[in-house]
Structures are given as C-alpha cells and as structure tokens.
C-alpha cells in the first residue's frame, strides 16, 4: 500500500506561467524525495504601471512516502 503526501509550493517567474511551473517543479524535485506529480492550484500575475512584471503559480506536489521497514508486533497476552 502506498501513502502520498501533498506539499504546496509557490513559484514565480518574470517570463511566463510555464517558466514558473518549471521553476517550482525543479525546486520540488531537488528538495523532496519521490515526487510523482504536480498540479496547478492557482495562478496570478503581478502588475506594475499597467505591465505584467511577474507570473506566480501555487503548485500542489504529490510525494509518495517511502515505505517503512516492517516492525515485528509482539502479542502482549
């Protein structure tokens, strides 16, 4: 049986949403073990003086938990 954990990551880029997603996924893969997938929960832009200056994405990253060694269970009776 597998157990998964979901971690939220906020990433940004001055280029595009695609670049922000790539930045977030790259960072997740460097800092988390067993990354299995990701999805964009939300995205937004930062606007200054009428121009888009930054693209931001909230990513949910799925991580499969490493299975633990089986520990023997002793009957107390």
C-alpha atoms as a PDB file:
ATOM      1  CA  UNK A   1       0.000   0.000   0.000  1.00  0.00           C
ATOM      2  CA  UNK A   2       1.282   3.477  -0.866  1.00  0.00           C
ATOM      3  CA  UNK A   3       0.842   6.610   1.145  1.00  0.00           C
ATOM      4  CA  UNK A   4       1.127  10.014  -0.509  1.00  0.00           C
ATOM      5  CA  UNK A   5       1.797  13.436   0.883  1.00  0.00           C
ATOM      6  CA  UNK A   6       0.895  16.693  -0.841  1.00  0.00           C
ATOM      7  CA  UNK A   7       3.141  19.721  -0.454  1.00  0.00           C
ATOM      8  CA  UNK A   8       2.220  23.219  -1.589  1.00  0.00           C
ATOM      9  CA  UNK A   9       4.812  25.285  -3.434  1.00  0.00           C
ATOM     10  CA  UNK A  10       4.519  28.873  -4.641  1.00  0.00           C
ATOM     11  CA  UNK A  11       6.822  29.659  -7.563  1.00  0.00           C
ATOM     12  CA  UNK A  12       7.310  32.750  -9.698  1.00  0.00           C
ATOM     13  CA  UNK A  13       8.888  33.867 -12.952  1.00  0.00           C
ATOM     14  CA  UNK A  14       9.318  37.124 -14.812  1.00  0.00           C
ATOM     15  CA  UNK A  15       8.891  35.237 -18.145  1.00  0.00           C
ATOM     16  CA  UNK A  16       5.701  33.146 -18.110  1.00  0.00           C
ATOM     17  CA  UNK A  17       3.407  30.784 -16.225  1.00  0.00           C
ATOM     18  CA  UNK A  18       5.160  27.834 -17.899  1.00  0.00           C
ATOM     19  CA  UNK A  19       8.504  29.044 -16.587  1.00  0.00           C
ATOM     20  CA  UNK A  20       7.059  29.500 -13.087  1.00  0.00           C
ATOM     21  CA  UNK A  21       5.717  25.923 -13.183  1.00  0.00           C
ATOM     22  CA  UNK A  22       9.074  24.560 -14.359  1.00  0.00           C
ATOM     23  CA  UNK A  23      10.872  26.515 -11.631  1.00  0.00           C
ATOM     24  CA  UNK A  24       8.555  25.124  -8.953  1.00  0.00           C
ATOM     25  CA  UNK A  25       8.788  21.531 -10.178  1.00  0.00           C
ATOM     26  CA  UNK A  26      12.592  21.731 -10.480  1.00  0.00           C
ATOM     27  CA  UNK A  27      12.851  23.033  -6.922  1.00  0.00           C
ATOM     28  CA  UNK A  28      10.458  20.385  -5.600  1.00  0.00           C
ATOM     29  CA  UNK A  29      12.483  17.602  -7.216  1.00  0.00           C
ATOM     30  CA  UNK A  30      15.696  18.963  -5.659  1.00  0.00           C
ATOM     31  CA  UNK A  31      14.308  19.259  -2.129  1.00  0.00           C
ATOM     32  CA  UNK A  32      11.731  16.437  -1.897  1.00  0.00           C
ATOM     33  CA  UNK A  33      12.145  12.708  -2.449  1.00  0.00           C
ATOM     34  CA  UNK A  34       9.828  10.584  -4.618  1.00  0.00           C
ATOM     35  CA  UNK A  35       7.997  13.405  -6.403  1.00  0.00           C
ATOM     36  CA  UNK A  36       5.321  11.703  -8.526  1.00  0.00           C
ATOM     37  CA  UNK A  37       3.259  14.569  -9.911  1.00  0.00           C
ATOM     38  CA  UNK A  38       2.093  18.143  -9.573  1.00  0.00           C
ATOM     39  CA  UNK A  39      -0.881  20.283 -10.492  1.00  0.00           C
ATOM     40  CA  UNK A  40      -1.518  23.992 -10.632  1.00  0.00           C
ATOM     41  CA  UNK A  41      -3.969  25.007  -7.941  1.00  0.00           C
ATOM     42  CA  UNK A  42      -3.938  28.708  -8.718  1.00  0.00           C
ATOM     43  CA  UNK A  43      -2.123  31.269 -10.822  1.00  0.00           C
ATOM     44  CA  UNK A  44      -1.889  35.037 -10.788  1.00  0.00           C
ATOM     45  CA  UNK A  45       0.107  37.918 -12.200  1.00  0.00           C
ATOM     46  CA  UNK A  46       1.680  40.908 -10.523  1.00  0.00           C
ATOM     47  CA  UNK A  47       1.062  44.143 -12.414  1.00  0.00           C
ATOM     48  CA  UNK A  48       3.002  47.376 -12.029  1.00  0.00           C
ATOM     49  CA  UNK A  49       2.357  50.504 -14.079  1.00  0.00           C
ATOM     50  CA  UNK A  50      -0.014  48.568 -16.336  1.00  0.00           C
ATOM     51  CA  UNK A  51       2.528  45.852 -17.210  1.00  0.00           C
ATOM     52  CA  UNK A  52       2.835  42.241 -16.059  1.00  0.00           C
ATOM     53  CA  UNK A  53       6.057  42.037 -14.056  1.00  0.00           C
ATOM     54  CA  UNK A  54       5.715  38.584 -12.501  1.00  0.00           C
ATOM     55  CA  UNK A  55       3.823  35.330 -13.017  1.00  0.00           C
ATOM     56  CA  UNK A  56       3.035  33.252  -9.922  1.00  0.00           C
ATOM     57  CA  UNK A  57       1.677  29.736  -9.516  1.00  0.00           C
ATOM     58  CA  UNK A  58       0.546  27.756  -6.495  1.00  0.00           C
ATOM     59  CA  UNK A  59       1.524  24.144  -7.122  1.00  0.00           C
ATOM     60  CA  UNK A  60       0.401  21.046  -5.271  1.00  0.00           C
ATOM     61  CA  UNK A  61       3.167  18.444  -5.433  1.00  0.00           C
ATOM     62  CA  UNK A  62       2.438  14.766  -4.783  1.00  0.00           C
ATOM     63  CA  UNK A  63       5.121  12.779  -2.984  1.00  0.00           C
ATOM     64  CA  UNK A  64       4.973   9.025  -2.441  1.00  0.00           C
ATOM     65  CA  UNK A  65       6.060   8.174   1.101  1.00  0.00           C
ATOM     66  CA  UNK A  66       8.951   5.772   1.460  1.00  0.00           C
ATOM     67  CA  UNK A  67       7.707   2.512   2.931  1.00  0.00           C
ATOM     68  CA  UNK A  68       9.000   1.793   6.391  1.00  0.00           C
ATOM     69  CA  UNK A  69      10.607  -1.488   7.372  1.00  0.00           C
ATOM     70  CA  UNK A  70       8.195  -3.984   8.823  1.00  0.00           C
ATOM     71  CA  UNK A  71       8.478  -3.925  12.571  1.00  0.00           C
ATOM     72  CA  UNK A  72       7.554  -7.114  14.384  1.00  0.00           C
ATOM     73  CA  UNK A  73       4.430  -6.868  16.524  1.00  0.00           C
ATOM     74  CA  UNK A  74       4.560  -8.837  19.762  1.00  0.00           C
ATOM     75  CA  UNK A  75       1.453 -10.229  21.406  1.00  0.00           C
ATOM     76  CA  UNK A  76       1.081  -8.842  24.924  1.00  0.00           C
ATOM     77  CA  UNK A  77      -1.049 -11.786  26.019  1.00  0.00           C
END
